N, C-alpha and C. Protein backbone atom coordinates (compact mmCIF):
# COMPACT_ATOMS: atom_id res chain seq x y z
N UNK A 1 158.19 70.51 -87.81
CA UNK A 1 157.28 70.50 -88.93
C UNK A 1 157.38 71.84 -89.65
N UNK A 2 157.45 71.82 -90.97
CA UNK A 2 157.59 73.04 -91.74
C UNK A 2 156.30 73.84 -91.81
N UNK A 3 156.40 75.01 -92.42
CA UNK A 3 155.22 75.83 -92.57
C UNK A 3 154.45 75.40 -93.82
N UNK A 4 153.25 75.94 -93.96
CA UNK A 4 152.37 75.52 -95.05
C UNK A 4 152.93 75.84 -96.42
N UNK A 5 153.89 76.75 -96.53
CA UNK A 5 154.43 77.09 -97.85
C UNK A 5 155.14 75.91 -98.49
N UNK A 6 155.51 74.92 -97.71
CA UNK A 6 156.19 73.74 -98.24
C UNK A 6 155.22 72.65 -98.69
N UNK A 7 153.94 72.85 -98.44
CA UNK A 7 152.95 71.81 -98.70
C UNK A 7 152.08 72.15 -99.89
N UNK A 8 151.46 71.10 -100.45
CA UNK A 8 150.61 71.31 -101.61
C UNK A 8 149.41 70.36 -101.58
N UNK A 9 148.38 70.77 -102.32
CA UNK A 9 147.15 69.98 -102.41
C UNK A 9 146.94 69.52 -103.85
N UNK A 10 146.38 68.35 -103.99
CA UNK A 10 146.09 67.75 -105.28
C UNK A 10 145.04 68.59 -106.03
N UNK A 11 145.21 68.74 -107.33
CA UNK A 11 144.29 69.57 -108.12
C UNK A 11 142.85 69.07 -108.03
N UNK A 12 142.65 67.78 -107.95
CA UNK A 12 141.28 67.24 -107.91
C UNK A 12 140.57 67.60 -106.61
N UNK A 13 141.31 67.76 -105.51
CA UNK A 13 140.74 68.23 -104.25
C UNK A 13 140.33 69.70 -104.39
N UNK A 14 141.19 70.49 -105.03
CA UNK A 14 140.90 71.91 -105.24
C UNK A 14 139.74 72.08 -106.22
N UNK A 15 139.60 71.15 -107.16
CA UNK A 15 138.48 71.19 -108.10
C UNK A 15 137.15 71.10 -107.35
N UNK A 16 137.10 70.35 -106.27
CA UNK A 16 135.87 70.28 -105.47
C UNK A 16 135.49 71.66 -104.95
N UNK A 17 136.48 72.42 -104.54
CA UNK A 17 136.22 73.77 -104.03
C UNK A 17 135.63 74.61 -105.16
N UNK A 18 136.23 74.54 -106.35
CA UNK A 18 135.74 75.32 -107.49
C UNK A 18 134.30 74.95 -107.83
N UNK A 19 134.00 73.67 -107.88
CA UNK A 19 132.63 73.24 -108.20
C UNK A 19 131.64 73.73 -107.15
N UNK A 20 132.06 73.70 -105.90
CA UNK A 20 131.17 74.14 -104.82
C UNK A 20 130.95 75.65 -104.91
N UNK A 21 131.99 76.41 -105.16
CA UNK A 21 131.85 77.86 -105.33
C UNK A 21 130.84 78.16 -106.43
N UNK A 22 131.00 77.47 -107.56
CA UNK A 22 130.09 77.70 -108.70
C UNK A 22 128.65 77.31 -108.35
N UNK A 23 128.48 76.29 -107.53
CA UNK A 23 127.12 75.85 -107.17
C UNK A 23 126.37 76.90 -106.36
N UNK A 24 127.10 77.82 -105.75
CA UNK A 24 126.49 78.92 -104.99
C UNK A 24 126.18 80.12 -105.90
N UNK A 25 126.49 79.99 -107.18
CA UNK A 25 126.28 81.10 -108.10
C UNK A 25 127.41 82.11 -108.10
N UNK A 26 128.51 81.75 -107.50
CA UNK A 26 129.69 82.61 -107.47
C UNK A 26 130.65 82.20 -108.59
N UNK A 27 131.60 83.05 -108.90
CA UNK A 27 132.53 82.80 -110.00
C UNK A 27 133.85 82.24 -109.46
N UNK A 28 134.04 80.93 -109.62
CA UNK A 28 135.25 80.30 -109.08
C UNK A 28 136.50 80.80 -109.80
N UNK A 29 136.40 81.10 -111.08
CA UNK A 29 137.57 81.61 -111.82
C UNK A 29 138.06 82.92 -111.21
N UNK A 30 137.13 83.78 -110.86
CA UNK A 30 137.50 85.06 -110.25
C UNK A 30 138.16 84.84 -108.89
N UNK A 31 137.62 83.93 -108.10
CA UNK A 31 138.19 83.67 -106.78
C UNK A 31 139.56 83.01 -106.90
N UNK A 32 139.75 82.15 -107.90
CA UNK A 32 141.07 81.57 -108.14
C UNK A 32 142.08 82.66 -108.44
N UNK A 33 141.70 83.59 -109.31
CA UNK A 33 142.60 84.68 -109.65
C UNK A 33 142.94 85.52 -108.41
N UNK A 34 141.91 85.80 -107.59
CA UNK A 34 142.13 86.58 -106.37
C UNK A 34 143.05 85.85 -105.39
N UNK A 35 143.00 84.52 -105.40
CA UNK A 35 143.83 83.72 -104.50
C UNK A 35 145.23 83.49 -105.06
N UNK A 36 145.44 83.86 -106.32
CA UNK A 36 146.74 83.63 -106.95
C UNK A 36 146.91 82.21 -107.46
N UNK A 37 145.80 81.58 -107.84
CA UNK A 37 145.83 80.21 -108.34
C UNK A 37 145.54 80.18 -109.83
N UNK A 38 146.20 79.27 -110.54
CA UNK A 38 146.01 79.10 -111.97
C UNK A 38 144.85 78.14 -112.21
N UNK A 39 143.72 78.68 -112.63
CA UNK A 39 142.50 77.87 -112.83
C UNK A 39 142.72 76.77 -113.86
N UNK A 40 143.55 77.03 -114.86
CA UNK A 40 143.80 76.06 -115.92
C UNK A 40 144.41 74.76 -115.39
N UNK A 41 145.11 74.83 -114.26
CA UNK A 41 145.74 73.63 -113.68
C UNK A 41 144.71 72.61 -113.18
N UNK A 42 143.44 73.05 -113.03
CA UNK A 42 142.42 72.10 -112.59
C UNK A 42 142.22 70.98 -113.60
N UNK A 43 142.55 71.23 -114.86
CA UNK A 43 142.42 70.21 -115.89
C UNK A 43 143.55 69.21 -115.91
N UNK A 44 144.56 69.41 -115.10
CA UNK A 44 145.72 68.52 -115.04
C UNK A 44 145.62 67.67 -113.77
N UNK A 45 145.29 66.39 -113.90
CA UNK A 45 145.11 65.56 -112.70
C UNK A 45 146.37 65.38 -111.86
N UNK A 46 147.53 65.66 -112.43
CA UNK A 46 148.76 65.53 -111.67
C UNK A 46 149.23 66.84 -111.05
N UNK A 47 148.50 67.92 -111.32
CA UNK A 47 148.92 69.23 -110.80
C UNK A 47 148.68 69.33 -109.31
N UNK A 48 149.45 70.21 -108.69
CA UNK A 48 149.31 70.47 -107.26
C UNK A 48 149.28 71.98 -107.06
N UNK A 49 148.60 72.40 -106.00
CA UNK A 49 148.49 73.82 -105.66
C UNK A 49 149.14 74.04 -104.30
N UNK A 50 149.87 75.14 -104.17
CA UNK A 50 150.53 75.47 -102.91
C UNK A 50 149.49 75.77 -101.83
N UNK A 51 149.70 75.22 -100.65
CA UNK A 51 148.72 75.36 -99.57
C UNK A 51 148.37 76.80 -99.19
N UNK A 52 149.34 77.75 -99.11
CA UNK A 52 148.93 79.11 -98.73
C UNK A 52 147.88 79.69 -99.68
N UNK A 53 148.03 79.46 -100.98
CA UNK A 53 147.05 79.96 -101.95
C UNK A 53 145.72 79.23 -101.82
N UNK A 54 145.77 77.94 -101.52
CA UNK A 54 144.51 77.18 -101.34
C UNK A 54 143.79 77.68 -100.10
N UNK A 55 144.52 77.99 -99.04
CA UNK A 55 143.89 78.58 -97.84
C UNK A 55 143.21 79.89 -98.18
N UNK A 56 143.86 80.71 -99.01
CA UNK A 56 143.25 81.98 -99.43
C UNK A 56 141.96 81.70 -100.20
N UNK A 57 141.98 80.67 -101.06
CA UNK A 57 140.78 80.32 -101.82
C UNK A 57 139.64 79.93 -100.89
N UNK A 58 139.94 79.10 -99.88
CA UNK A 58 138.90 78.72 -98.92
C UNK A 58 138.32 79.97 -98.26
N UNK A 59 139.18 80.88 -97.82
CA UNK A 59 138.72 82.10 -97.15
C UNK A 59 137.87 82.96 -98.08
N UNK A 60 138.28 83.07 -99.32
CA UNK A 60 137.52 83.84 -100.30
C UNK A 60 136.17 83.18 -100.59
N UNK A 61 136.16 81.85 -100.62
CA UNK A 61 134.90 81.12 -100.85
C UNK A 61 133.92 81.37 -99.71
N UNK A 62 134.42 81.36 -98.48
CA UNK A 62 133.56 81.64 -97.33
C UNK A 62 132.97 83.05 -97.44
N UNK A 63 133.80 83.99 -97.81
CA UNK A 63 133.36 85.37 -97.92
C UNK A 63 132.34 85.53 -99.05
N UNK A 64 132.62 84.93 -100.20
CA UNK A 64 131.75 85.09 -101.36
C UNK A 64 130.39 84.42 -101.16
N UNK A 65 130.39 83.27 -100.50
CA UNK A 65 129.14 82.53 -100.33
C UNK A 65 128.39 82.95 -99.07
N UNK A 66 129.08 83.60 -98.15
CA UNK A 66 128.49 84.01 -96.88
C UNK A 66 127.84 82.81 -96.18
N UNK A 67 128.54 81.68 -96.22
CA UNK A 67 128.02 80.45 -95.61
C UNK A 67 129.12 79.83 -94.76
N UNK A 68 128.97 79.90 -93.43
CA UNK A 68 130.01 79.34 -92.57
C UNK A 68 129.98 77.81 -92.54
N UNK A 69 129.02 77.21 -93.25
CA UNK A 69 128.99 75.75 -93.42
C UNK A 69 129.35 75.36 -94.86
N UNK A 70 130.02 76.24 -95.57
CA UNK A 70 130.41 75.99 -96.96
C UNK A 70 131.13 74.65 -97.11
N UNK A 71 131.99 74.31 -96.15
CA UNK A 71 132.76 73.07 -96.24
C UNK A 71 131.89 71.83 -96.35
N UNK A 72 130.72 71.85 -95.74
CA UNK A 72 129.83 70.68 -95.81
C UNK A 72 129.33 70.45 -97.23
N UNK A 73 129.20 71.53 -97.99
CA UNK A 73 128.69 71.41 -99.36
C UNK A 73 129.70 70.79 -100.32
N UNK A 74 130.97 70.86 -99.98
CA UNK A 74 132.02 70.35 -100.86
C UNK A 74 131.86 68.85 -101.13
N UNK A 75 131.42 68.12 -100.14
CA UNK A 75 131.34 66.66 -100.26
C UNK A 75 130.39 66.19 -101.35
N UNK A 76 129.40 67.01 -101.70
CA UNK A 76 128.44 66.58 -102.72
C UNK A 76 129.09 66.39 -104.09
N UNK A 77 130.28 66.94 -104.27
CA UNK A 77 130.98 66.82 -105.54
C UNK A 77 132.06 65.73 -105.53
N UNK A 78 132.17 64.99 -104.43
CA UNK A 78 133.17 63.93 -104.35
C UNK A 78 132.89 62.85 -105.39
N UNK A 79 133.95 62.35 -105.95
CA UNK A 79 133.92 61.22 -106.88
C UNK A 79 135.17 60.40 -106.57
N UNK A 80 135.16 59.08 -106.78
CA UNK A 80 136.36 58.30 -106.48
C UNK A 80 137.63 58.85 -107.12
N UNK A 81 137.51 59.48 -108.28
CA UNK A 81 138.70 60.03 -108.93
C UNK A 81 139.26 61.25 -108.20
N UNK A 82 138.48 61.83 -107.28
CA UNK A 82 138.95 62.99 -106.52
C UNK A 82 140.26 62.67 -105.80
N UNK A 83 140.38 61.47 -105.31
CA UNK A 83 141.56 61.08 -104.55
C UNK A 83 142.49 60.16 -105.33
N UNK A 84 142.30 60.14 -106.65
CA UNK A 84 143.12 59.29 -107.53
C UNK A 84 143.05 57.83 -107.06
N UNK A 85 144.19 57.17 -106.97
CA UNK A 85 144.20 55.75 -106.60
C UNK A 85 143.65 55.52 -105.20
N UNK A 86 143.80 56.50 -104.31
CA UNK A 86 143.28 56.34 -102.96
C UNK A 86 141.77 56.20 -102.96
N UNK A 87 141.09 56.92 -103.83
CA UNK A 87 139.63 56.79 -103.92
C UNK A 87 139.20 55.41 -104.36
N UNK A 88 139.89 54.87 -105.34
CA UNK A 88 139.54 53.53 -105.82
C UNK A 88 139.93 52.44 -104.81
N UNK A 89 141.06 52.64 -104.15
CA UNK A 89 141.45 51.64 -103.14
C UNK A 89 140.48 51.68 -101.96
N UNK A 90 139.95 52.85 -101.67
CA UNK A 90 138.92 52.97 -100.62
C UNK A 90 137.73 52.07 -100.99
N UNK A 91 137.24 52.23 -102.22
CA UNK A 91 136.06 51.46 -102.65
C UNK A 91 136.37 49.97 -102.78
N UNK A 92 137.63 49.63 -103.04
CA UNK A 92 138.01 48.22 -103.18
C UNK A 92 138.28 47.55 -101.84
N UNK A 93 138.27 48.32 -100.76
CA UNK A 93 138.54 47.76 -99.43
C UNK A 93 137.45 46.77 -99.04
N UNK A 94 137.86 45.74 -98.31
CA UNK A 94 136.91 44.71 -97.89
C UNK A 94 135.94 45.20 -96.82
N UNK A 95 136.35 46.21 -96.05
CA UNK A 95 135.48 46.73 -95.00
C UNK A 95 135.91 48.16 -94.67
N UNK A 96 135.12 48.80 -93.82
CA UNK A 96 135.39 50.19 -93.49
C UNK A 96 136.71 50.36 -92.73
N UNK A 97 137.04 49.42 -91.88
CA UNK A 97 138.31 49.52 -91.15
C UNK A 97 139.49 49.54 -92.12
N UNK A 98 139.47 48.66 -93.09
CA UNK A 98 140.54 48.62 -94.08
C UNK A 98 140.59 49.93 -94.88
N UNK A 99 139.42 50.46 -95.25
CA UNK A 99 139.36 51.71 -96.01
C UNK A 99 139.95 52.86 -95.19
N UNK A 100 139.57 52.94 -93.92
CA UNK A 100 140.09 54.01 -93.06
C UNK A 100 141.59 53.87 -92.83
N UNK A 101 142.06 52.63 -92.70
CA UNK A 101 143.51 52.43 -92.55
C UNK A 101 144.25 52.93 -93.78
N UNK A 102 143.69 52.69 -94.96
CA UNK A 102 144.32 53.20 -96.19
C UNK A 102 144.31 54.72 -96.22
N UNK A 103 143.21 55.31 -95.77
CA UNK A 103 143.13 56.77 -95.73
C UNK A 103 144.21 57.33 -94.81
N UNK A 104 144.34 56.77 -93.63
CA UNK A 104 145.35 57.24 -92.68
C UNK A 104 146.75 57.12 -93.29
N UNK A 105 146.99 56.02 -93.96
CA UNK A 105 148.32 55.76 -94.51
C UNK A 105 148.66 56.66 -95.69
N UNK A 106 147.65 56.96 -96.54
CA UNK A 106 147.95 57.63 -97.81
C UNK A 106 147.35 59.02 -97.98
N UNK A 107 146.78 59.61 -96.94
CA UNK A 107 146.12 60.91 -97.07
C UNK A 107 147.08 62.00 -97.56
N UNK A 108 148.36 61.85 -97.32
CA UNK A 108 149.32 62.88 -97.75
C UNK A 108 149.38 62.98 -99.28
N UNK A 109 148.80 62.01 -100.01
CA UNK A 109 148.70 62.13 -101.46
C UNK A 109 147.80 63.32 -101.81
N UNK A 110 146.73 63.49 -101.06
CA UNK A 110 145.77 64.55 -101.31
C UNK A 110 146.36 65.90 -100.91
N UNK A 111 146.93 65.94 -99.72
CA UNK A 111 147.57 67.17 -99.24
C UNK A 111 148.83 66.75 -98.48
N UNK A 112 149.96 67.23 -98.93
CA UNK A 112 151.21 66.79 -98.34
C UNK A 112 151.33 67.17 -96.86
N UNK A 113 150.58 68.18 -96.42
CA UNK A 113 150.59 68.56 -95.01
C UNK A 113 149.82 67.58 -94.14
N UNK A 114 149.00 66.73 -94.76
CA UNK A 114 148.10 65.85 -94.01
C UNK A 114 148.79 64.59 -93.48
N UNK A 115 149.99 64.32 -93.91
CA UNK A 115 150.70 63.14 -93.40
C UNK A 115 150.86 63.21 -91.90
N UNK A 116 150.40 62.19 -91.21
CA UNK A 116 150.55 62.13 -89.77
C UNK A 116 149.47 62.83 -88.97
N UNK A 117 148.46 63.43 -89.64
CA UNK A 117 147.43 64.11 -88.86
C UNK A 117 146.26 63.20 -88.49
N UNK A 118 146.17 62.05 -89.15
CA UNK A 118 145.07 61.13 -88.87
C UNK A 118 145.59 59.89 -88.19
N UNK A 119 144.79 59.39 -87.27
CA UNK A 119 145.08 58.07 -86.71
C UNK A 119 143.75 57.38 -86.46
N UNK A 120 143.79 56.07 -86.47
CA UNK A 120 142.61 55.27 -86.26
C UNK A 120 142.74 54.56 -84.92
N UNK A 121 141.79 54.82 -84.03
CA UNK A 121 141.75 54.15 -82.73
C UNK A 121 140.67 53.08 -82.79
N UNK A 122 141.04 51.86 -82.40
CA UNK A 122 140.11 50.74 -82.50
C UNK A 122 139.80 50.17 -81.13
N UNK A 123 138.53 49.85 -80.93
CA UNK A 123 138.11 49.07 -79.77
C UNK A 123 137.35 47.88 -80.34
N UNK A 124 136.96 46.93 -79.52
CA UNK A 124 136.21 45.79 -80.08
C UNK A 124 134.91 46.20 -80.77
N UNK A 125 134.33 47.34 -80.39
CA UNK A 125 133.05 47.73 -80.96
C UNK A 125 133.08 48.99 -81.82
N UNK A 126 134.17 49.74 -81.79
CA UNK A 126 134.17 51.01 -82.52
C UNK A 126 135.49 51.26 -83.24
N UNK A 127 135.40 52.13 -84.22
CA UNK A 127 136.56 52.71 -84.90
C UNK A 127 136.44 54.22 -84.71
N UNK A 128 137.49 54.85 -84.29
CA UNK A 128 137.48 56.29 -84.07
C UNK A 128 138.59 56.91 -84.91
N UNK A 129 138.21 57.76 -85.85
CA UNK A 129 139.18 58.46 -86.67
C UNK A 129 139.47 59.79 -85.99
N UNK A 130 140.73 59.99 -85.64
CA UNK A 130 141.16 61.17 -84.89
C UNK A 130 142.06 62.02 -85.78
N UNK A 131 141.80 63.33 -85.78
CA UNK A 131 142.65 64.28 -86.51
C UNK A 131 143.48 65.04 -85.49
N UNK A 132 144.79 64.97 -85.63
CA UNK A 132 145.70 65.69 -84.74
C UNK A 132 146.39 66.78 -85.56
N UNK A 133 145.98 68.02 -85.32
CA UNK A 133 146.49 69.11 -86.14
C UNK A 133 147.30 70.13 -85.34
N UNK A 134 147.54 69.85 -84.07
CA UNK A 134 148.25 70.82 -83.22
C UNK A 134 149.63 71.18 -83.77
N UNK A 135 150.28 70.26 -84.48
CA UNK A 135 151.62 70.50 -84.99
C UNK A 135 151.65 71.27 -86.30
N UNK A 136 150.49 71.50 -86.92
CA UNK A 136 150.46 72.18 -88.21
C UNK A 136 150.63 73.69 -88.03
N UNK A 137 151.37 74.28 -88.96
CA UNK A 137 151.60 75.72 -88.94
C UNK A 137 151.39 76.25 -90.35
N UNK A 138 150.34 77.04 -90.56
CA UNK A 138 149.33 77.46 -89.60
C UNK A 138 148.28 76.38 -89.37
N UNK A 139 147.47 76.59 -88.36
CA UNK A 139 146.41 75.64 -88.05
C UNK A 139 145.38 75.63 -89.19
N UNK A 140 144.76 74.47 -89.44
CA UNK A 140 143.72 74.43 -90.48
C UNK A 140 142.56 75.35 -90.12
N UNK A 141 141.95 75.92 -91.14
CA UNK A 141 140.77 76.73 -90.88
C UNK A 141 139.55 75.82 -90.86
N UNK A 142 138.52 76.26 -90.17
CA UNK A 142 137.35 75.41 -89.91
C UNK A 142 136.75 74.83 -91.19
N UNK A 143 136.66 75.63 -92.23
CA UNK A 143 136.02 75.17 -93.46
C UNK A 143 136.74 73.95 -94.06
N UNK A 144 138.05 73.89 -93.91
CA UNK A 144 138.81 72.74 -94.43
C UNK A 144 138.49 71.50 -93.61
N UNK A 145 138.45 71.65 -92.30
CA UNK A 145 138.09 70.52 -91.44
C UNK A 145 136.69 70.02 -91.77
N UNK A 146 135.76 70.94 -91.95
CA UNK A 146 134.38 70.56 -92.26
C UNK A 146 134.30 69.81 -93.58
N UNK A 147 134.99 70.31 -94.60
CA UNK A 147 134.98 69.66 -95.91
C UNK A 147 135.58 68.26 -95.83
N UNK A 148 136.65 68.12 -95.08
CA UNK A 148 137.30 66.82 -94.94
C UNK A 148 136.36 65.82 -94.26
N UNK A 149 135.73 66.24 -93.18
CA UNK A 149 134.80 65.35 -92.48
C UNK A 149 133.61 64.98 -93.36
N UNK A 150 133.06 65.97 -94.06
CA UNK A 150 131.90 65.71 -94.92
C UNK A 150 132.27 64.77 -96.06
N UNK A 151 133.47 64.95 -96.61
CA UNK A 151 133.89 64.06 -97.69
C UNK A 151 134.11 62.64 -97.18
N UNK A 152 134.71 62.51 -96.00
CA UNK A 152 134.89 61.17 -95.43
C UNK A 152 133.56 60.50 -95.17
N UNK A 153 132.58 61.26 -94.72
CA UNK A 153 131.24 60.70 -94.51
C UNK A 153 130.66 60.21 -95.84
N UNK A 154 130.81 61.01 -96.89
CA UNK A 154 130.32 60.62 -98.21
C UNK A 154 131.01 59.34 -98.67
N UNK A 155 132.29 59.23 -98.43
CA UNK A 155 133.03 58.03 -98.82
C UNK A 155 132.56 56.82 -98.02
N UNK A 156 132.32 57.00 -96.73
CA UNK A 156 131.80 55.90 -95.91
C UNK A 156 130.45 55.44 -96.42
N UNK A 157 129.61 56.38 -96.81
CA UNK A 157 128.29 56.02 -97.33
C UNK A 157 128.39 55.34 -98.69
N UNK A 158 129.39 55.73 -99.48
CA UNK A 158 129.61 55.05 -100.76
C UNK A 158 129.99 53.59 -100.54
N UNK A 159 130.71 53.33 -99.46
CA UNK A 159 131.15 51.96 -99.16
C UNK A 159 130.11 51.15 -98.40
N UNK A 160 129.43 51.80 -97.46
CA UNK A 160 128.59 51.08 -96.51
C UNK A 160 127.09 51.27 -96.72
N UNK A 161 126.71 52.18 -97.60
CA UNK A 161 125.31 52.44 -97.85
C UNK A 161 124.89 53.79 -97.30
N UNK A 162 123.80 54.31 -97.86
CA UNK A 162 123.34 55.66 -97.54
C UNK A 162 122.91 55.81 -96.09
N UNK A 163 122.62 54.71 -95.41
CA UNK A 163 122.17 54.80 -94.02
C UNK A 163 123.33 54.89 -93.03
N UNK A 164 124.57 54.82 -93.52
CA UNK A 164 125.71 54.90 -92.61
C UNK A 164 125.71 56.23 -91.87
N UNK A 165 125.98 56.17 -90.58
CA UNK A 165 126.19 57.39 -89.79
C UNK A 165 127.15 57.07 -88.65
N UNK A 166 127.98 58.03 -88.30
CA UNK A 166 128.90 57.81 -87.17
C UNK A 166 128.11 57.83 -85.85
N UNK A 167 128.71 57.29 -84.81
CA UNK A 167 128.08 57.34 -83.50
C UNK A 167 128.12 58.75 -82.93
N UNK A 168 129.21 59.47 -83.20
CA UNK A 168 129.39 60.83 -82.68
C UNK A 168 130.46 61.52 -83.50
N UNK A 169 130.33 62.84 -83.63
CA UNK A 169 131.33 63.66 -84.31
C UNK A 169 131.72 64.77 -83.34
N UNK A 170 133.00 64.90 -83.06
CA UNK A 170 133.50 65.97 -82.20
C UNK A 170 134.38 66.89 -83.03
N UNK A 171 134.00 68.15 -83.08
CA UNK A 171 134.70 69.15 -83.89
C UNK A 171 135.32 70.17 -82.95
N UNK A 172 136.54 70.58 -83.25
CA UNK A 172 137.28 71.45 -82.34
C UNK A 172 137.08 72.95 -82.58
N UNK A 173 136.49 73.33 -83.70
CA UNK A 173 136.31 74.76 -83.95
C UNK A 173 134.98 75.26 -83.36
N UNK A 174 134.84 76.58 -83.32
CA UNK A 174 133.63 77.16 -82.73
C UNK A 174 132.38 76.71 -83.48
N UNK A 175 131.28 76.74 -82.79
CA UNK A 175 130.01 76.33 -83.36
C UNK A 175 129.57 77.34 -84.42
N UNK A 176 129.32 76.90 -85.66
CA UNK A 176 128.89 77.83 -86.70
C UNK A 176 127.42 78.19 -86.54
N UNK A 177 127.00 79.24 -87.22
CA UNK A 177 125.60 79.64 -87.12
C UNK A 177 124.68 78.57 -87.71
N UNK A 178 125.18 77.83 -88.69
CA UNK A 178 124.38 76.78 -89.30
C UNK A 178 124.64 75.40 -88.72
N UNK A 179 124.90 75.33 -87.42
CA UNK A 179 125.30 74.07 -86.78
C UNK A 179 124.30 72.94 -86.99
N UNK A 180 123.03 73.27 -87.15
CA UNK A 180 122.01 72.22 -87.36
C UNK A 180 122.29 71.42 -88.63
N UNK A 181 122.96 72.05 -89.59
CA UNK A 181 123.29 71.34 -90.83
C UNK A 181 124.26 70.20 -90.59
N UNK A 182 125.13 70.33 -89.57
CA UNK A 182 126.06 69.25 -89.24
C UNK A 182 125.31 68.02 -88.77
N UNK A 183 124.39 68.21 -87.84
CA UNK A 183 123.61 67.09 -87.31
C UNK A 183 122.77 66.45 -88.42
N UNK A 184 122.21 67.28 -89.29
CA UNK A 184 121.39 66.75 -90.39
C UNK A 184 122.24 65.94 -91.35
N UNK A 185 123.44 66.40 -91.64
CA UNK A 185 124.31 65.68 -92.57
C UNK A 185 124.83 64.38 -91.97
N UNK A 186 125.36 64.46 -90.76
CA UNK A 186 125.99 63.30 -90.15
C UNK A 186 124.96 62.35 -89.52
N UNK A 187 123.75 62.79 -89.31
CA UNK A 187 122.69 62.03 -88.62
C UNK A 187 123.26 61.40 -87.35
N UNK A 188 123.95 62.24 -86.59
CA UNK A 188 124.61 61.82 -85.35
C UNK A 188 124.78 63.05 -84.49
N UNK A 189 125.01 62.85 -83.18
CA UNK A 189 125.34 64.00 -82.34
C UNK A 189 126.66 64.63 -82.79
N UNK A 190 126.68 65.95 -82.89
CA UNK A 190 127.89 66.68 -83.28
C UNK A 190 128.21 67.65 -82.15
N UNK A 191 129.41 67.50 -81.59
CA UNK A 191 129.84 68.34 -80.48
C UNK A 191 130.79 69.43 -80.97
N UNK A 192 130.58 70.64 -80.47
CA UNK A 192 131.49 71.77 -80.69
C UNK A 192 131.97 72.23 -79.32
N UNK A 193 133.11 72.93 -79.26
CA UNK A 193 133.58 73.40 -77.95
C UNK A 193 132.63 74.42 -77.34
């Protein structure tokens, strides 16, 4: 597997980061410049941003907002257009299993490094979405994992109703200081190492 310099993220995914930064009263344009990202590309739905610079943006956002749960806030700005056709196909799915299968199959549209990191495990009573990131170089930072999980939860609620909640969420990074926000958002037990 190659390094992150070969991978890129969709501009609409990066736009969520910008909107979230601004919602904290911080200047996303300034952080984009500090990360080496062209803010003007956010207006181009077909544009992509190189992963190393996007990682720098995430790190700068954490520093500027002083919120180790910043990633959870990103989901509030999700819209079906965030994921282009994948967002609409998610909403057009007949059920959550079909939507999750589409996500697993096409997530690399959002971030080219994400291909192969998700799998869906099925039992007669449950669906378990598993993220396998051990092969990624460098490893994802916690804020990206948090944002991804929060956005997936938002998408599930868009499909299944506001009362949707997972049975359990297991996160591999250290427990943040604002860990109670995870349980409040997911309305489920959230495990940290």
